[in-house]
Protein backbone atom coordinates (compact mmCIF):
# COMPACT_ATOMS: atom_id res chain seq x y z
CA MET A 1 146.79 67.41 8.02
CA LYS A 2 147.53 70.71 6.31
CA VAL A 3 148.96 70.56 2.80
CA LEU A 4 150.39 73.41 0.72
CA VAL A 5 150.86 73.19 -3.03
CA VAL A 6 153.31 75.80 -4.34
CA ALA A 7 153.21 76.39 -8.11
CA ALA A 8 154.82 78.84 -10.47
CA HIS A 9 151.85 79.46 -12.78
CA PRO A 10 148.11 78.91 -12.91
CA ASP A 11 147.51 75.34 -14.18
CA ASP A 12 150.82 73.95 -12.85
CA GLU A 13 149.11 72.95 -9.62
CA VAL A 14 146.48 70.87 -11.45
CA LEU A 15 148.92 69.40 -13.95
CA GLY A 16 151.35 68.44 -11.21
CA CYS A 17 149.15 67.10 -8.45
CA GLY A 18 145.47 67.78 -9.15
CA GLY A 19 144.46 64.19 -8.53
CA THR A 20 146.43 64.02 -5.30
CA MET A 21 144.91 67.28 -4.08
CA ALA A 22 141.44 65.94 -4.74
CA ARG A 23 142.22 62.69 -2.93
CA LEU A 24 143.73 64.49 0.08
CA ALA A 25 140.75 66.82 0.29
CA GLN A 26 138.36 63.85 0.19
CA GLU A 27 140.34 62.27 3.02
CA GLY A 28 139.82 65.36 5.19
CA CYS A 29 143.09 67.21 4.65
CA ALA A 30 143.13 71.00 4.39
CA VAL A 31 144.67 71.67 0.98
CA HIS A 32 145.95 75.18 0.22
CA VAL A 33 147.37 76.40 -3.10
CA ALA A 34 149.89 79.21 -3.67
CA ILE A 35 150.66 80.38 -7.21
CA LEU A 36 153.59 82.77 -7.49
CA GLY A 37 153.47 83.94 -11.12
CA GLU A 38 150.54 85.70 -12.74
CA GLY A 39 150.71 83.34 -15.69
CA ILE A 40 150.12 85.31 -18.86
CA THR A 41 152.34 88.35 -19.47
CA SER A 42 155.22 86.35 -20.99
CA ARG A 43 153.11 86.09 -24.14
CA HIS A 44 153.81 89.77 -24.79
CA ALA A 45 157.08 91.56 -25.56
CA GLN A 46 156.51 93.83 -22.56
CA ARG A 47 154.78 92.83 -19.35
CA ASP A 48 152.57 95.95 -19.34
CA GLN A 49 151.07 94.94 -22.69
CA ALA A 50 148.95 92.24 -21.05
CA ASP A 51 145.24 92.89 -20.78
CA ALA A 52 144.07 93.33 -17.19
CA GLU A 53 140.80 91.61 -18.03
CA ASP A 54 142.66 88.55 -19.35
CA LEU A 55 144.69 88.38 -16.13
CA SER A 56 141.57 88.68 -14.00
CA ARG A 57 139.87 85.94 -16.00
CA LEU A 58 142.85 83.59 -15.63
CA HIS A 59 142.98 84.14 -11.89
CA GLN A 60 139.27 83.45 -11.58
CA ARG A 61 139.89 80.22 -13.51
CA ALA A 62 142.59 79.32 -10.96
CA ARG A 63 140.08 79.70 -8.13
CA GLU A 64 137.55 77.60 -10.02
CA ALA A 65 140.17 74.92 -10.65
CA GLY A 66 141.04 74.92 -6.96
CA ALA A 67 137.39 74.33 -6.10
CA LYS A 68 137.23 71.40 -8.54
CA VAL A 69 140.05 69.60 -6.72
CA GLY A 70 138.88 70.52 -3.23
CA ALA A 71 141.38 73.22 -2.28
CA LYS A 72 140.36 75.42 0.64
CA ASP A 73 141.89 78.49 -0.95
CA VAL A 74 144.13 79.69 -3.77
CA VAL A 75 146.63 82.48 -3.04
CA LEU A 76 147.80 84.40 -6.13
CA PHE A 77 150.98 86.43 -5.73
CA GLN A 78 150.99 87.73 -9.33
CA LEU A 79 154.76 87.92 -9.83
CA PRO A 80 156.15 88.33 -13.39
CA ASP A 81 155.27 85.34 -15.57
CA ASN A 82 158.31 83.39 -16.82
CA ARG A 83 160.41 86.21 -15.41
CA LEU A 84 160.93 85.01 -11.85
CA ASP A 85 164.65 85.19 -12.56
CA THR A 86 164.19 88.99 -12.45
CA VAL A 87 162.89 88.76 -8.88
CA PRO A 88 165.46 88.41 -6.08
CA LEU A 89 165.34 84.90 -4.67
CA LEU A 90 165.13 86.40 -1.21
CA ASP A 91 161.83 88.06 -2.15
CA LEU A 92 160.38 84.70 -3.24
CA VAL A 93 161.59 83.10 -0.03
CA LYS A 94 160.09 85.85 2.14
CA LEU A 95 156.71 85.49 0.46
CA LEU A 96 156.71 81.76 1.11
CA GLU A 97 158.02 82.08 4.64
CA GLY A 98 155.16 84.39 5.49
CA LEU A 99 152.58 82.06 4.00
CA ILE A 100 154.07 78.99 5.70
CA GLN A 101 154.15 80.83 9.02
CA LYS A 102 150.47 81.66 8.58
CA LEU A 103 149.23 78.25 7.38
CA GLN A 104 151.64 75.94 9.24
CA PRO A 105 151.47 73.15 6.62
CA GLU A 106 152.99 69.79 7.36
CA VAL A 107 153.40 68.74 3.72
CA ILE A 108 154.37 70.71 0.62
CA TYR A 109 154.07 69.70 -3.02
CA THR A 110 156.02 71.81 -5.49
CA HIS A 111 157.96 71.82 -8.75
CA HIS A 112 160.83 69.59 -9.71
CA ALA A 113 164.18 71.40 -9.83
CA GLY A 114 165.20 70.18 -13.29
CA ASP A 115 162.24 71.43 -15.33
CA LEU A 116 162.72 73.26 -18.62
CA ASN A 117 160.73 76.26 -17.38
CA VAL A 118 163.01 78.60 -15.45
CA ASP A 119 160.27 79.64 -13.03
CA HIS A 120 159.76 76.04 -11.92
CA GLY A 121 163.35 75.63 -10.82
CA LEU A 122 163.32 78.93 -8.94
CA VAL A 123 160.13 78.04 -7.11
CA HIS A 124 161.65 74.72 -6.09
CA ARG A 125 164.70 76.44 -4.67
CA ALA A 126 162.61 79.08 -2.91
CA VAL A 127 160.51 76.37 -1.26
CA LEU A 128 163.60 74.55 -0.01
CA THR A 129 165.03 77.76 1.37
CA ALA A 130 161.78 78.82 3.02
CA THR A 131 161.40 75.42 4.69
CA ARG A 132 164.87 74.97 6.10
CA PRO A 133 164.59 72.37 8.88
CA LEU A 134 165.08 74.77 11.76
CA PRO A 135 163.43 74.30 15.17
CA GLY A 136 159.76 75.19 14.90
CA GLN A 137 159.51 74.41 11.18
CA SER A 138 156.05 72.97 10.51
CA VAL A 139 156.91 71.34 7.17
CA ARG A 140 157.87 67.68 7.60
CA GLU A 141 157.60 66.42 4.04
CA ILE A 142 158.34 67.96 0.64
CA TYR A 143 157.45 66.30 -2.67
CA ALA A 144 158.37 67.44 -6.17
CA PHE A 145 155.89 66.89 -9.00
CA GLU A 146 156.29 66.78 -12.75
CA VAL A 147 154.54 69.26 -15.04
CA PRO A 148 153.68 67.90 -18.49
CA SER A 149 155.26 70.07 -21.21
CA SER A 150 158.08 71.16 -18.90
CA THR A 151 159.56 68.23 -16.99
CA GLU A 152 159.73 65.79 -19.89
CA TRP A 153 160.65 68.50 -22.42
CA ALA A 154 163.96 68.99 -20.63
CA PHE A 155 164.86 65.62 -22.22
CA HIS A 156 167.13 64.71 -19.29
CA GLN A 157 169.53 67.48 -20.32
CA LEU A 158 168.95 69.53 -17.17
CA GLN A 159 169.90 68.39 -13.71
CA PRO A 160 168.54 66.88 -11.61
CA VAL A 161 166.54 64.41 -13.68
CA PHE A 162 163.04 63.63 -12.41
CA ARG A 163 163.23 60.30 -10.57
CA PRO A 164 159.91 59.62 -8.87
CA SER A 165 159.87 57.34 -5.87
CA VAL A 166 156.42 58.07 -4.44
CA PHE A 167 153.16 57.32 -6.25
CA VAL A 168 149.62 58.31 -5.30
CA ASP A 169 146.67 56.27 -6.56
CA ILE A 170 144.32 58.76 -8.21
CA SER A 171 142.05 56.21 -9.87
CA ARG A 172 139.03 57.77 -8.14
CA THR A 173 140.11 61.39 -8.50
CA LEU A 174 141.57 61.53 -12.00
CA GLU A 175 138.37 63.02 -13.37
CA ALA A 176 138.53 65.79 -10.76
CA LYS A 177 141.98 66.61 -12.11
CA ILE A 178 140.61 66.66 -15.67
CA ALA A 179 137.78 68.93 -14.53
CA GLY A 180 140.31 71.24 -12.88
CA LEU A 181 142.32 71.47 -16.08
CA ALA A 182 139.15 72.24 -18.05
CA CYS A 183 138.77 75.45 -16.02
CA TYR A 184 141.90 76.73 -17.77
CA ASP A 185 140.39 77.12 -21.20
CA SER A 186 143.25 79.42 -22.28
CA GLU A 187 145.95 76.99 -21.12
CA THR A 188 144.72 73.60 -22.35
CA ARG A 189 145.69 72.27 -25.76
CA LYS A 190 144.51 69.59 -28.17
CA PHE A 191 146.02 66.11 -28.12
CA PRO A 192 148.82 65.12 -28.53
CA HIS A 193 149.92 68.19 -26.53
CA PRO A 194 150.84 67.16 -22.96
CA ARG A 195 148.35 69.70 -21.55
CA SER A 196 145.35 67.92 -23.02
CA PRO A 197 142.85 65.71 -21.17
CA GLU A 198 143.85 62.69 -23.26
CA ALA A 199 147.52 63.19 -22.42
CA LEU A 200 146.82 63.57 -18.70
CA ARG A 201 144.86 60.33 -18.71
CA ALA A 202 147.71 58.59 -20.57
CA ILE A 203 150.31 59.91 -18.11
CA ALA A 204 148.20 58.79 -15.14
CA ALA A 205 147.75 55.36 -16.71
CA ARG A 206 151.46 55.06 -17.36
CA TRP A 207 152.37 55.85 -13.73
CA GLY A 208 149.59 53.51 -12.69
CA THR A 209 151.35 50.65 -14.48
CA VAL A 210 154.52 51.55 -12.58
CA ALA A 211 152.75 51.60 -9.22
CA GLY A 212 150.24 48.79 -9.78
CA CYS A 213 146.98 50.74 -9.98
CA GLN A 214 144.68 52.16 -12.63
CA ALA A 215 145.96 55.74 -12.45
CA ALA A 216 148.64 57.50 -10.44
CA GLU A 217 150.59 60.71 -10.00
CA ALA A 218 154.34 60.48 -9.47
CA PHE A 219 156.47 62.46 -7.04
CA GLU A 220 160.07 62.72 -6.03
CA LEU A 221 160.56 62.75 -2.28
CA VAL A 222 162.73 65.73 -1.41
CA ARG A 223 162.70 65.51 2.37
CA SER A 224 160.84 63.65 5.08
CA LEU A 225 161.16 63.98 8.84
CA ARG A 226 159.44 61.48 11.09
CA LEU A 227 159.09 62.78 14.62
CA GLN A 228 159.43 60.51 17.63
CA GLY A 229 156.08 59.27 18.85
CA HIS A 230 154.27 59.72 15.52
CA GLY A 231 154.19 56.00 14.84
CA ALA A 232 155.58 53.87 12.04
């Protein structure tokens, strides 16, 4: 099975589904990662103030994180960080359509639509548009993940609210997720920040109690198509 993870920024992919990626890779799936935003220039008043060396370092960290969770490759589009609302939605859709046409994934994991971060919501919409269920569409399932420090920080004030209905047991791959996050030394924070190793373990344990396992990642099923003859 081919899986594509579509994220807005470097580290979102690990925060959202790093344990699931690692599990899928261990099970023999081909896991690909696409990151649309470059991930750093929003820290400056002007985008061109960002240091090219810092950008290069962050993108190398993204590749290292991908390796930690078993991704076959990490595609970096380097669009404006936290400024995807300045990019025509059609441009985002075209980028994803081209990648989907090339990879032919059957499953996509991406952002939840109601996150606080504006880029997350735009990526979600672009994914849905790029995967319209037309004849010949390879994508059969789409799952939305939460991103700690964005999904919960919307405080249920943005719609839709994250309502997970699918849980993946990551008891054996949680540490791969933690190792992936550790690659992002410029993005991680100290506890009790949600982007800390301790917080990720607590979140996984919490979803584990919901699903009946030691550790889990939670997803909202967006769409699933079961083709005739593929079994129950």
